[in-house]
């Protein structure tokens, strides 16, 4: 494969990457701006279990104290959406 490939941008702004290059890139890609132009780099593959582990270990974003609503108050909300 050549070191450089010219591709066209379609009317919707999409670029069609040749299949041989897509196989090397993988499922995700990163486009990086450089002084010479733009550079397409293979993306980092994320491990789903590791991503979940980070979410579980992260600090919560909740502010304030949660309210314990009565069943009547919860039912009043259900009645408003009908």
N, C-alpha and C. Protein backbone atom coordinates (compact mmCIF):
# COMPACT_ATOMS: atom_id res chain seq x y z
N UNK A 1 0.85 -1.19 0.00
CA UNK A 1 0.00 0.00 0.00
C UNK A 1 0.88 1.24 0.00
N UNK A 2 0.47 2.25 -0.71
CA UNK A 2 1.22 3.50 -0.80
C UNK A 2 1.25 4.21 0.55
N UNK A 3 2.24 5.06 0.74
CA UNK A 3 2.34 5.82 1.98
C UNK A 3 1.31 6.94 2.05
N UNK A 4 0.75 7.30 0.90
CA UNK A 4 -0.20 8.40 0.85
C UNK A 4 -1.35 8.02 -0.07
N UNK A 5 -2.58 8.30 0.36
CA UNK A 5 -3.77 8.01 -0.44
C UNK A 5 -4.61 9.28 -0.48
N UNK A 6 -5.11 9.62 -1.66
CA UNK A 6 -5.99 10.78 -1.80
C UNK A 6 -7.43 10.28 -1.79
N UNK A 7 -8.26 10.89 -0.94
CA UNK A 7 -9.67 10.53 -0.85
C UNK A 7 -10.51 11.77 -1.05
N UNK A 8 -11.78 11.58 -1.39
CA UNK A 8 -12.69 12.70 -1.61
C UNK A 8 -13.65 12.83 -0.44
N UNK A 9 -14.10 14.05 -0.21
CA UNK A 9 -15.13 14.33 0.79
C UNK A 9 -16.45 14.39 0.03
N UNK A 10 -17.45 13.61 0.48
CA UNK A 10 -18.73 13.60 -0.24
C UNK A 10 -19.58 14.81 0.13
N UNK A 11 -20.76 14.90 -0.44
CA UNK A 11 -21.63 16.07 -0.23
C UNK A 11 -22.09 16.23 1.22
N UNK A 12 -22.00 15.17 2.01
CA UNK A 12 -22.38 15.23 3.42
C UNK A 12 -21.18 15.46 4.33
N UNK A 13 -20.01 15.67 3.75
CA UNK A 13 -18.82 15.93 4.55
C UNK A 13 -18.11 14.68 5.04
N UNK A 14 -18.43 13.53 4.49
CA UNK A 14 -17.83 12.27 4.92
C UNK A 14 -16.64 11.92 4.04
N UNK A 15 -15.69 11.22 4.63
CA UNK A 15 -14.52 10.75 3.91
C UNK A 15 -14.58 9.23 3.86
N UNK A 16 -14.41 8.67 2.68
CA UNK A 16 -14.41 7.22 2.54
C UNK A 16 -12.96 6.74 2.64
N UNK A 17 -12.68 5.94 3.67
CA UNK A 17 -11.34 5.42 3.90
C UNK A 17 -11.26 4.04 3.25
N UNK A 18 -10.25 3.80 2.42
CA UNK A 18 -10.13 2.49 1.76
C UNK A 18 -10.07 1.35 2.78
N UNK A 19 -10.60 0.18 2.38
CA UNK A 19 -10.73 -0.98 3.27
C UNK A 19 -9.41 -1.40 3.88
N UNK A 20 -8.34 -1.40 3.11
CA UNK A 20 -7.04 -1.84 3.64
C UNK A 20 -6.58 -0.94 4.78
N UNK A 21 -6.83 0.35 4.64
CA UNK A 21 -6.45 1.29 5.70
C UNK A 21 -7.36 1.12 6.90
N UNK A 22 -8.68 0.93 6.67
CA UNK A 22 -9.63 0.74 7.78
C UNK A 22 -9.24 -0.45 8.64
N UNK A 23 -8.77 -1.53 8.02
CA UNK A 23 -8.36 -2.71 8.78
C UNK A 23 -7.19 -2.39 9.69
N UNK A 24 -6.27 -1.57 9.23
CA UNK A 24 -5.12 -1.20 10.05
C UNK A 24 -5.51 -0.23 11.17
N UNK A 25 -6.45 0.66 10.89
CA UNK A 25 -6.87 1.66 11.87
C UNK A 25 -7.66 1.01 13.01
N UNK A 26 -8.59 0.12 12.68
CA UNK A 26 -9.43 -0.50 13.69
C UNK A 26 -10.79 0.18 13.77
N UNK A 27 -11.45 0.02 14.93
CA UNK A 27 -12.83 0.51 15.09
C UNK A 27 -12.92 2.01 15.34
N UNK A 28 -11.88 2.60 15.88
CA UNK A 28 -11.91 4.04 16.17
C UNK A 28 -10.64 4.69 15.62
N UNK A 29 -10.75 5.99 15.38
CA UNK A 29 -9.60 6.74 14.88
C UNK A 29 -9.58 8.11 15.52
N UNK A 30 -8.42 8.72 15.55
CA UNK A 30 -8.24 10.06 16.08
C UNK A 30 -7.70 10.94 14.96
N UNK A 31 -8.29 12.10 14.78
CA UNK A 31 -7.78 13.06 13.81
C UNK A 31 -7.08 14.15 14.59
N UNK A 32 -5.81 14.36 14.28
CA UNK A 32 -4.98 15.31 15.02
C UNK A 32 -4.53 16.43 14.08
N UNK A 33 -4.67 17.66 14.56
CA UNK A 33 -4.20 18.81 13.78
C UNK A 33 -2.69 18.95 14.01
N UNK A 34 -1.94 19.10 12.93
CA UNK A 34 -0.51 19.32 13.00
C UNK A 34 -0.17 20.57 12.20
N UNK A 35 1.04 21.11 12.34
CA UNK A 35 1.41 22.28 11.53
C UNK A 35 1.32 22.01 10.03
N UNK A 36 1.50 20.76 9.62
CA UNK A 36 1.45 20.42 8.19
C UNK A 36 0.04 20.15 7.69
N UNK A 37 -0.92 19.93 8.60
CA UNK A 37 -2.28 19.59 8.21
C UNK A 37 -2.91 18.70 9.27
N UNK A 38 -3.64 17.69 8.81
CA UNK A 38 -4.30 16.77 9.73
C UNK A 38 -3.69 15.39 9.61
N UNK A 39 -3.65 14.68 10.72
CA UNK A 39 -3.07 13.35 10.78
C UNK A 39 -4.11 12.38 11.33
N UNK A 40 -4.32 11.27 10.64
CA UNK A 40 -5.28 10.26 11.08
C UNK A 40 -4.51 9.16 11.80
N UNK A 41 -4.87 8.93 13.07
CA UNK A 41 -4.19 7.94 13.90
C UNK A 41 -5.16 6.88 14.37
N UNK A 42 -4.69 5.63 14.53
CA UNK A 42 -5.56 4.61 15.10
C UNK A 42 -6.01 5.03 16.49
N UNK A 43 -7.29 4.80 16.81
CA UNK A 43 -7.82 5.15 18.12
C UNK A 43 -7.43 4.12 19.16
N UNK A 44 -7.58 4.49 20.40
CA UNK A 44 -7.29 3.58 21.50
C UNK A 44 -8.51 2.69 21.72
N UNK A 45 -8.27 1.40 21.83
CA UNK A 45 -9.36 0.48 22.12
C UNK A 45 -9.65 0.54 23.61
N UNK A 46 -10.92 0.67 23.96
CA UNK A 46 -11.30 0.74 25.36
C UNK A 46 -11.82 -0.61 25.82
N UNK A 47 -11.36 -1.04 26.96
CA UNK A 47 -11.83 -2.26 27.57
C UNK A 47 -13.10 -1.91 28.36
N UNK A 48 -14.21 -2.55 28.02
CA UNK A 48 -15.49 -2.22 28.65
C UNK A 48 -15.45 -2.45 30.16
N UNK A 49 -14.79 -3.51 30.60
CA UNK A 49 -14.73 -3.77 32.04
C UNK A 49 -13.90 -2.70 32.74
N UNK A 50 -12.82 -2.28 32.13
CA UNK A 50 -11.99 -1.24 32.74
C UNK A 50 -12.74 0.09 32.80
N UNK A 51 -13.50 0.38 31.76
CA UNK A 51 -14.30 1.61 31.73
C UNK A 51 -15.34 1.60 32.85
N UNK A 52 -16.01 0.45 33.03
CA UNK A 52 -16.99 0.30 34.11
C UNK A 52 -16.33 0.44 35.47
N UNK A 53 -15.15 -0.16 35.63
CA UNK A 53 -14.42 -0.08 36.89
C UNK A 53 -14.10 1.38 37.23
N UNK A 54 -13.70 2.17 36.24
CA UNK A 54 -13.40 3.60 36.48
C UNK A 54 -14.65 4.35 36.91
N UNK A 55 -15.78 4.03 36.28
CA UNK A 55 -17.04 4.70 36.64
C UNK A 55 -17.43 4.37 38.08
N UNK A 56 -17.31 3.10 38.44
CA UNK A 56 -17.70 2.67 39.79
C UNK A 56 -16.81 3.33 40.84
N UNK A 57 -15.52 3.44 40.56
CA UNK A 57 -14.58 4.00 41.54
C UNK A 57 -14.59 5.53 41.58
N UNK A 58 -15.19 6.18 40.58
CA UNK A 58 -15.18 7.64 40.55
C UNK A 58 -16.09 8.21 41.64
N UNK A 59 -15.81 9.45 42.03
CA UNK A 59 -16.63 10.11 43.05
C UNK A 59 -17.97 10.48 42.44
N UNK A 60 -19.01 10.40 43.26
CA UNK A 60 -20.34 10.73 42.79
C UNK A 60 -20.45 12.23 42.51
N UNK A 61 -21.39 12.58 41.64
CA UNK A 61 -21.59 13.98 41.27
C UNK A 61 -22.78 14.59 41.99
N UNK A 62 -23.44 13.82 42.81
CA UNK A 62 -24.64 14.29 43.48
C UNK A 62 -24.31 15.44 44.41
N UNK A 63 -25.18 16.43 44.39
CA UNK A 63 -25.05 17.54 45.33
C UNK A 63 -26.33 17.58 46.16
N UNK A 64 -26.20 17.95 47.38
CA UNK A 64 -27.37 18.01 48.24
C UNK A 64 -27.69 16.65 48.84
N UNK A 65 -28.78 16.59 49.56
CA UNK A 65 -29.17 15.37 50.25
C UNK A 65 -30.39 14.77 49.55
N UNK A 66 -30.37 13.46 49.26
CA UNK A 66 -31.52 12.86 48.58
C UNK A 66 -32.75 12.87 49.47
N UNK A 67 -33.90 13.02 48.84
CA UNK A 67 -35.16 13.02 49.57
C UNK A 67 -35.76 11.62 49.56
N UNK A 68 -36.41 11.24 50.64
CA UNK A 68 -37.17 9.99 50.68
C UNK A 68 -38.63 10.34 50.47
N UNK A 69 -39.10 10.15 49.24
CA UNK A 69 -40.47 10.51 48.92
C UNK A 69 -41.44 9.44 49.40
N UNK A 70 -42.60 9.89 49.75
CA UNK A 70 -43.67 8.97 50.15
C UNK A 70 -44.28 8.37 48.88
N UNK A 71 -44.93 7.21 49.01
CA UNK A 71 -45.59 6.61 47.85
C UNK A 71 -46.64 7.55 47.23
N UNK A 72 -47.32 8.33 48.05
CA UNK A 72 -48.34 9.26 47.54
C UNK A 72 -47.71 10.32 46.64
N UNK A 73 -46.55 10.84 47.05
CA UNK A 73 -45.88 11.86 46.26
C UNK A 73 -45.40 11.27 44.93
N UNK A 74 -44.92 10.04 44.95
CA UNK A 74 -44.48 9.40 43.72
C UNK A 74 -45.66 9.15 42.79
N UNK A 75 -46.78 8.71 43.34
CA UNK A 75 -47.98 8.47 42.54
C UNK A 75 -48.52 9.75 41.92
N UNK A 76 -48.35 10.87 42.64
CA UNK A 76 -48.84 12.14 42.09
C UNK A 76 -48.08 12.52 40.82
N UNK A 77 -46.81 12.14 40.74
CA UNK A 77 -46.02 12.40 39.53
C UNK A 77 -46.51 11.50 38.40
N UNK A 78 -46.80 10.24 38.69
CA UNK A 78 -47.28 9.32 37.66
C UNK A 78 -48.60 9.84 37.07
N UNK A 79 -49.47 10.37 37.91
CA UNK A 79 -50.77 10.87 37.44
C UNK A 79 -50.61 12.07 36.53
N UNK A 80 -49.57 12.88 36.71
CA UNK A 80 -49.36 14.07 35.88
C UNK A 80 -48.90 13.71 34.48
N UNK A 81 -48.25 12.54 34.31
CA UNK A 81 -47.71 12.19 33.00
C UNK A 81 -48.74 11.50 32.13
N UNK A 82 -49.83 11.10 32.66
CA UNK A 82 -50.85 10.40 31.86
C UNK A 82 -51.64 11.32 30.99
